[in-house]
Amino acid sequence: MSKAIVFDLDGTLVDSAPDLMDAHNYVMQKFGYHQKPLTDIRHLAGRGAANMILSSLKEEEKKFDQNIHKKMT
């Protein structure tokens, strides 16, 4: 008799995007960054947690730079 364990890491069997969103938003909020809606998280899912957070931080940095530029000009 064969035994198997199935890992569904890309949402094929189970939609894990809501859980990913909760985890992502918890971290972002804890460090004072903006949270993302589920639609944004779905685009980032499947690339790994580190890439999800880094992508969000890059967007935050871009917004910060734009705001500073507006205030300085």
PDB file of N, CA and C in Angstrom:
ATOM      1  N   MET A   1       0.836  -1.177   0.000  1.00  0.00           N
ATOM      2  CA  MET A   1       0.000   0.000   0.000  1.00  0.00           C
ATOM      3  C   MET A   1       0.888   1.250   0.000  1.00  0.00           C
ATOM      4  N   SER A   2       0.639   2.118  -0.932  1.00  0.00           N
ATOM      5  CA  SER A   2       1.402   3.360  -1.039  1.00  0.00           C
ATOM      6  C   SER A   2       0.792   4.437  -0.154  1.00  0.00           C
ATOM      7  N   LYS A   3       1.673   5.252   0.381  1.00  0.00           N
ATOM      8  CA  LYS A   3       1.229   6.395   1.167  1.00  0.00           C
ATOM      9  C   LYS A   3       1.795   7.644   0.518  1.00  0.00           C
ATOM     10  N   ALA A   4       1.040   8.705   0.570  1.00  0.00           N
ATOM     11  CA  ALA A   4       1.495   9.955  -0.041  1.00  0.00           C
ATOM     12  C   ALA A   4       1.027  11.140   0.791  1.00  0.00           C
ATOM     13  N   ILE A   5       1.823  12.173   0.722  1.00  0.00           N
ATOM     14  CA  ILE A   5       1.455  13.444   1.327  1.00  0.00           C
ATOM     15  C   ILE A   5       1.421  14.461   0.198  1.00  0.00           C
ATOM     16  N   VAL A   6       0.342  15.211   0.127  1.00  0.00           N
ATOM     17  CA  VAL A   6       0.191  16.195  -0.942  1.00  0.00           C
ATOM     18  C   VAL A   6       0.361  17.595  -0.358  1.00  0.00           C
ATOM     19  N   PHE A   7       1.255  18.356  -0.966  1.00  0.00           N
ATOM     20  CA  PHE A   7       1.433  19.761  -0.602  1.00  0.00           C
ATOM     21  C   PHE A   7       0.881  20.608  -1.733  1.00  0.00           C
ATOM     22  N   ASP A   8      -0.045  21.468  -1.399  1.00  0.00           N
ATOM     23  CA  ASP A   8      -0.638  22.364  -2.398  1.00  0.00           C
ATOM     24  C   ASP A   8      -0.156  23.773  -2.107  1.00  0.00           C
ATOM     25  N   LEU A   9       0.929  24.163  -2.751  1.00  0.00           N
ATOM     26  CA  LEU A   9       1.527  25.459  -2.459  1.00  0.00           C
ATOM     27  C   LEU A   9       1.160  26.535  -3.469  1.00  0.00           C
ATOM     28  N   ASP A  10       0.458  26.173  -4.516  1.00  0.00           N
ATOM     29  CA  ASP A  10       0.139  27.176  -5.538  1.00  0.00           C
ATOM     30  C   ASP A  10      -1.352  27.425  -5.693  1.00  0.00           C
ATOM     31  N   GLY A  11      -2.151  26.892  -4.778  1.00  0.00           N
ATOM     32  CA  GLY A  11      -3.580  27.168  -4.820  1.00  0.00           C
ATOM     33  C   GLY A  11      -4.380  26.293  -5.761  1.00  0.00           C
ATOM     34  N   THR A  12      -3.795  25.204  -6.236  1.00  0.00           N
ATOM     35  CA  THR A  12      -4.502  24.325  -7.163  1.00  0.00           C
ATOM     36  C   THR A  12      -5.652  23.594  -6.473  1.00  0.00           C
ATOM     37  N   LEU A  13      -5.403  23.055  -5.303  1.00  0.00           N
ATOM     38  CA  LEU A  13      -6.425  22.296  -4.589  1.00  0.00           C
ATOM     39  C   LEU A  13      -7.198  23.153  -3.589  1.00  0.00           C
ATOM     40  N   VAL A  14      -6.518  24.070  -2.964  1.00  0.00           N
ATOM     41  CA  VAL A  14      -7.120  24.923  -1.942  1.00  0.00           C
ATOM     42  C   VAL A  14      -6.747  26.371  -2.239  1.00  0.00           C
ATOM     43  N   ASP A  15      -7.710  27.253  -2.138  1.00  0.00           N
ATOM     44  CA  ASP A  15      -7.438  28.676  -2.347  1.00  0.00           C
ATOM     45  C   ASP A  15      -6.779  29.228  -1.086  1.00  0.00           C
ATOM     46  N   SER A  16      -5.468  29.350  -1.118  1.00  0.00           N
ATOM     47  CA  SER A  16      -4.726  29.814   0.052  1.00  0.00           C
ATOM     48  C   SER A  16      -4.489  31.324   0.045  1.00  0.00           C
ATOM     49  N   ALA A  17      -4.950  32.024  -0.985  1.00  0.00           N
ATOM     50  CA  ALA A  17      -4.719  33.470  -1.081  1.00  0.00           C
ATOM     51  C   ALA A  17      -5.266  34.247   0.125  1.00  0.00           C
ATOM     52  N   PRO A  18      -6.460  33.927   0.641  1.00  0.00           N
ATOM     53  CA  PRO A  18      -6.929  34.675   1.821  1.00  0.00           C
ATOM     54  C   PRO A  18      -6.000  34.514   3.032  1.00  0.00           C
ATOM     55  N   ASP A  19      -5.465  33.310   3.225  1.00  0.00           N
ATOM     56  CA  ASP A  19      -4.528  33.098   4.333  1.00  0.00           C
ATOM     57  C   ASP A  19      -3.216  33.833   4.089  1.00  0.00           C
ATOM     58  N   LEU A  20      -2.747  33.822   2.842  1.00  0.00           N
ATOM     59  CA  LEU A  20      -1.535  34.569   2.498  1.00  0.00           C
ATOM     60  C   LEU A  20      -1.742  36.061   2.733  1.00  0.00           C
ATOM     61  N   MET A  21      -2.921  36.561   2.373  1.00  0.00           N
ATOM     62  CA  MET A  21      -3.232  37.971   2.577  1.00  0.00           C
ATOM     63  C   MET A  21      -3.199  38.314   4.066  1.00  0.00           C
ATOM     64  N   ASP A  22      -3.804  37.463   4.890  1.00  0.00           N
ATOM     65  CA  ASP A  22      -3.812  37.716   6.332  1.00  0.00           C
ATOM     66  C   ASP A  22      -2.391  37.773   6.887  1.00  0.00           C
ATOM     67  N   ALA A  23      -1.551  36.808   6.486  1.00  0.00           N
ATOM     68  CA  ALA A  23      -0.169  36.770   6.964  1.00  0.00           C
ATOM     69  C   ALA A  23       0.613  37.982   6.463  1.00  0.00           C
ATOM     70  N   HIS A  24       0.471  38.284   5.186  1.00  0.00           N
ATOM     71  CA  HIS A  24       1.157  39.436   4.583  1.00  0.00           C
ATOM     72  C   HIS A  24       0.749  40.727   5.290  1.00  0.00           C
ATOM     73  N   ASN A  25      -0.538  40.936   5.442  1.00  0.00           N
ATOM     74  CA  ASN A  25      -1.030  42.176   6.037  1.00  0.00           C
ATOM     75  C   ASN A  25      -0.660  42.297   7.511  1.00  0.00           C
ATOM     76  N   TYR A  26      -0.577  41.179   8.203  1.00  0.00           N
ATOM     77  CA  TYR A  26      -0.139  41.197   9.602  1.00  0.00           C
ATOM     78  C   TYR A  26       1.287  41.740   9.698  1.00  0.00           C
ATOM     79  N   VAL A  27       2.166  41.217   8.852  1.00  0.00           N
ATOM     80  CA  VAL A  27       3.565  41.657   8.863  1.00  0.00           C
ATOM     81  C   VAL A  27       3.672  43.122   8.457  1.00  0.00           C
ATOM     82  N   MET A  28       2.984  43.494   7.385  1.00  0.00           N
ATOM     83  CA  MET A  28       3.064  44.874   6.903  1.00  0.00           C
ATOM     84  C   MET A  28       2.546  45.850   7.966  1.00  0.00           C
ATOM     85  N   GLN A  29       1.432  45.512   8.598  1.00  0.00           N
ATOM     86  CA  GLN A  29       0.857  46.383   9.625  1.00  0.00           C
ATOM     87  C   GLN A  29       1.781  46.472  10.840  1.00  0.00           C
ATOM     88  N   LYS A  30       2.367  45.357  11.213  1.00  0.00           N
ATOM     89  CA  LYS A  30       3.253  45.323  12.381  1.00  0.00           C
ATOM     90  C   LYS A  30       4.431  46.281  12.219  1.00  0.00           C
ATOM     91  N   PHE A  31       4.886  46.456  10.985  1.00  0.00           N
ATOM     92  CA  PHE A  31       6.025  47.331  10.728  1.00  0.00           C
ATOM     93  C   PHE A  31       5.615  48.693  10.162  1.00  0.00           C
ATOM     94  N   GLY A  32       4.314  48.991  10.203  1.00  0.00           N
ATOM     95  CA  GLY A  32       3.839  50.315   9.834  1.00  0.00           C
ATOM     96  C   GLY A  32       3.637  50.555   8.348  1.00  0.00           C
ATOM     97  N   TYR A  33       3.491  49.496   7.570  1.00  0.00           N
ATOM     98  CA  TYR A  33       3.268  49.642   6.131  1.00  0.00           C
ATOM     99  C   TYR A  33       1.803  49.383   5.794  1.00  0.00           C
ATOM    100  N   HIS A  34       1.411  49.782   4.584  1.00  0.00           N
ATOM    101  CA  HIS A  34       0.030  49.603   4.134  1.00  0.00           C
ATOM    102  C   HIS A  34      -0.275  48.135   3.848  1.00  0.00           C
ATOM    103  N   GLN A  35      -1.526  47.776   4.089  1.00  0.00           N
ATOM    104  CA  GLN A  35      -1.993  46.425   3.791  1.00  0.00           C
ATOM    105  C   GLN A  35      -2.449  46.354   2.343  1.00  0.00           C
ATOM    106  N   LYS A  36      -2.566  45.132   1.824  1.00  0.00           N
ATOM    107  CA  LYS A  36      -2.982  44.927   0.437  1.00  0.00           C
ATOM    108  C   LYS A  36      -4.309  44.177   0.396  1.00  0.00           C
ATOM    109  N   PRO A  37      -5.130  44.485  -0.611  1.00  0.00           N
ATOM    110  CA  PRO A  37      -6.378  43.728  -0.793  1.00  0.00           C
ATOM    111  C   PRO A  37      -6.081  42.361  -1.415  1.00  0.00           C
ATOM    112  N   LEU A  38      -7.053  41.506  -1.341  1.00  0.00           N
ATOM    113  CA  LEU A  38      -6.906  40.140  -1.847  1.00  0.00           C
ATOM    114  C   LEU A  38      -6.523  40.106  -3.325  1.00  0.00           C
ATOM    115  N   THR A  39      -7.055  41.015  -4.123  1.00  0.00           N
ATOM    116  CA  THR A  39      -6.741  41.007  -5.563  1.00  0.00           C
ATOM    117  C   THR A  39      -5.249  41.220  -5.804  1.00  0.00           C
ATOM    118  N   ASP A  40      -4.614  42.079  -5.017  1.00  0.00           N
ATOM    119  CA  ASP A  40      -3.171  42.293  -5.163  1.00  0.00           C
ATOM    120  C   ASP A  40      -2.380  41.073  -4.709  1.00  0.00           C
ATOM    121  N   ILE A  41      -2.824  40.452  -3.637  1.00  0.00           N
ATOM    122  CA  ILE A  41      -2.119  39.282  -3.105  1.00  0.00           C
ATOM    123  C   ILE A  41      -2.170  38.129  -4.097  1.00  0.00           C
ATOM    124  N   ARG A  42      -3.282  37.953  -4.778  1.00  0.00           N
ATOM    125  CA  ARG A  42      -3.393  36.868  -5.764  1.00  0.00           C
ATOM    126  C   ARG A  42      -2.311  36.987  -6.838  1.00  0.00           C
ATOM    127  N   HIS A  43      -1.962  38.217  -7.226  1.00  0.00           N
ATOM    128  CA  HIS A  43      -0.919  38.408  -8.241  1.00  0.00           C
ATOM    129  C   HIS A  43       0.468  38.071  -7.699  1.00  0.00           C
ATOM    130  N   LEU A  44       0.645  38.203  -6.398  1.00  0.00           N
ATOM    131  CA  LEU A  44       1.944  37.949  -5.787  1.00  0.00           C
ATOM    132  C   LEU A  44       2.096  36.510  -5.301  1.00  0.00           C
ATOM    133  N   ALA A  45       0.985  35.807  -5.147  1.00  0.00           N
ATOM    134  CA  ALA A  45       1.020  34.438  -4.635  1.00  0.00           C
ATOM    135  C   ALA A  45       1.759  33.522  -5.600  1.00  0.00           C
ATOM    136  N   GLY A  46       2.398  32.525  -5.050  1.00  0.00           N
ATOM    137  CA  GLY A  46       3.106  31.549  -5.869  1.00  0.00           C
ATOM    138  C   GLY A  46       4.557  31.903  -6.117  1.00  0.00           C
ATOM    139  N   ARG A  47       4.977  33.058  -5.652  1.00  0.00           N
ATOM    140  CA  ARG A  47       6.372  33.478  -5.842  1.00  0.00           C
ATOM    141  C   ARG A  47       7.172  33.400  -4.550  1.00  0.00           C
ATOM    142  N   GLY A  48       6.543  32.952  -3.498  1.00  0.00           N
ATOM    143  CA  GLY A  48       7.219  32.849  -2.210  1.00  0.00           C
ATOM    144  C   GLY A  48       6.927  34.040  -1.312  1.00  0.00           C
ATOM    145  N   ALA A  49       6.980  33.782  -0.027  1.00  0.00           N
ATOM    146  CA  ALA A  49       6.660  34.820   0.953  1.00  0.00           C
ATOM    147  C   ALA A  49       7.642  35.980   0.897  1.00  0.00           C
ATOM    148  N   ALA A  50       8.924  35.668   0.736  1.00  0.00           N
ATOM    149  CA  ALA A  50       9.930  36.737   0.697  1.00  0.00           C
ATOM    150  C   ALA A  50       9.682  37.676  -0.478  1.00  0.00           C
ATOM    151  N   ASN A  51       9.393  37.113  -1.639  1.00  0.00           N
ATOM    152  CA  ASN A  51       9.119  37.952  -2.811  1.00  0.00           C
ATOM    153  C   ASN A  51       7.856  38.782  -2.628  1.00  0.00           C
ATOM    154  N   MET A  52       6.868  38.209  -1.949  1.00  0.00           N
ATOM    155  CA  MET A  52       5.625  38.936  -1.708  1.00  0.00           C
ATOM    156  C   MET A  52       5.895  40.174  -0.851  1.00  0.00           C
ATOM    157  N   ILE A  53       6.638  39.998   0.223  1.00  0.00           N
ATOM    158  CA  ILE A  53       6.948  41.113   1.119  1.00  0.00           C
ATOM    159  C   ILE A  53       7.866  42.122   0.427  1.00  0.00           C
ATOM    160  N   LEU A  54       8.903  41.633  -0.261  1.00  0.00           N
ATOM    161  CA  LEU A  54       9.830  42.541  -0.948  1.00  0.00           C
ATOM    162  C   LEU A  54       9.126  43.369  -2.013  1.00  0.00           C
ATOM    163  N   SER A  55       8.223  42.750  -2.742  1.00  0.00           N
ATOM    164  CA  SER A  55       7.465  43.473  -3.758  1.00  0.00           C
ATOM    165  C   SER A  55       6.636  44.584  -3.117  1.00  0.00           C
ATOM    166  N   SER A  56       6.013  44.283  -2.012  1.00  0.00           N
ATOM    167  CA  SER A  56       5.207  45.281  -1.309  1.00  0.00           C
ATOM    168  C   SER A  56       6.074  46.410  -0.768  1.00  0.00           C
ATOM    169  N   LEU A  57       7.242  46.069  -0.253  1.00  0.00           N
ATOM    170  CA  LEU A  57       8.134  47.094   0.287  1.00  0.00           C
ATOM    171  C   LEU A  57       8.659  48.003  -0.814  1.00  0.00           C
ATOM    172  N   LYS A  58       8.923  47.440  -1.988  1.00  0.00           N
ATOM    173  CA  LYS A  58       9.368  48.264  -3.114  1.00  0.00           C
ATOM    174  C   LYS A  58       8.288  49.271  -3.499  1.00  0.00           C
ATOM    175  N   GLU A  59       7.030  48.823  -3.499  1.00  0.00           N
ATOM    176  CA  GLU A  59       5.919  49.728  -3.800  1.00  0.00           C
ATOM    177  C   GLU A  59       5.814  50.818  -2.742  1.00  0.00           C
ATOM    178  N   GLU A  60       5.997  50.453  -1.482  1.00  0.00           N
ATOM    179  CA  GLU A  60       5.947  51.433  -0.398  1.00  0.00           C
ATOM    180  C   GLU A  60       7.075  52.454  -0.564  1.00  0.00           C
ATOM    181  N   GLU A  61       8.261  51.974  -0.912  1.00  0.00           N
ATOM    182  CA  GLU A  61       9.403  52.871  -1.100  1.00  0.00           C
ATOM    183  C   GLU A  61       9.147  53.838  -2.255  1.00  0.00           C
ATOM    184  N   LYS A  62       8.564  53.323  -3.323  1.00  0.00           N
ATOM    185  CA  LYS A  62       8.253  54.161  -4.483  1.00  0.00           C
ATOM    186  C   LYS A  62       7.261  55.260  -4.091  1.00  0.00           C
ATOM    187  N   LYS A  63       6.213  54.896  -3.340  1.00  0.00           N
ATOM    188  CA  LYS A  63       5.230  55.881  -2.885  1.00  0.00           C
ATOM    189  C   LYS A  63       5.892  56.921  -1.978  1.00  0.00           C
ATOM    190  N   PHE A  64       6.767  56.449  -1.105  1.00  0.00           N
ATOM    191  CA  PHE A  64       7.474  57.353  -0.203  1.00  0.00           C
ATOM    192  C   PHE A  64       8.315  58.347  -1.001  1.00  0.00           C
ATOM    193  N   ASP A  65       9.065  57.842  -1.982  1.00  0.00           N
ATOM    194  CA  ASP A  65       9.894  58.706  -2.823  1.00  0.00           C
ATOM    195  C   ASP A  65       9.045  59.729  -3.574  1.00  0.00           C
ATOM    196  N   GLN A  66       7.902  59.303  -4.086  1.00  0.00           N
ATOM    197  CA  GLN A  66       7.018  60.215  -4.811  1.00  0.00           C
ATOM    198  C   GLN A  66       6.473  61.306  -3.889  1.00  0.00           C
ATOM    199  N   ASN A  67       6.114  60.924  -2.675  1.00  0.00           N
ATOM    200  CA  ASN A  67       5.592  61.905  -1.716  1.00  0.00           C
ATOM    201  C   ASN A  67       6.665  62.919  -1.324  1.00  0.00           C
ATOM    202  N   ILE A  68       7.873  62.446  -1.117  1.00  0.00           N
ATOM    203  CA  ILE A  68       8.976  63.350  -0.776  1.00  0.00           C
ATOM    204  C   ILE A  68       9.228  64.309  -1.932  1.00  0.00           C
ATOM    205  N   HIS A  69       9.224  63.781  -3.147  1.00  0.00           N
ATOM    206  CA  HIS A  69       9.462  64.617  -4.326  1.00  0.00           C
ATOM    207  C   HIS A  69       8.391  65.708  -4.431  1.00  0.00           C
ATOM    208  N   LYS A  70       7.130  65.335  -4.203  1.00  0.00           N
ATOM    209  CA  LYS A  70       6.032  66.314  -4.264  1.00  0.00           C
ATOM    210  C   LYS A  70       6.224  67.422  -3.230  1.00  0.00           C
ATOM    211  N   LYS A  71       6.640  67.035  -2.039  1.00  0.00           N
ATOM    212  CA  LYS A  71       6.788  68.019  -0.968  1.00  0.00           C
ATOM    213  C   LYS A  71       8.006  68.917  -1.172  1.00  0.00           C
ATOM    214  N   MET A  72       9.003  68.410  -1.879  1.00  0.00           N
ATOM    215  CA  MET A  72      10.231  69.179  -2.070  1.00  0.00           C
ATOM    216  C   MET A  72      10.159  70.099  -3.285  1.00  0.00           C
ATOM    217  N   THR A  73       9.187  69.872  -4.178  1.00  0.00           N
ATOM    218  CA  THR A  73       9.113  70.703  -5.391  1.00  0.00           C
ATOM    219  C   THR A  73       7.931  71.646  -5.339  1.00  0.00           C
TER     220      THR A  73
END
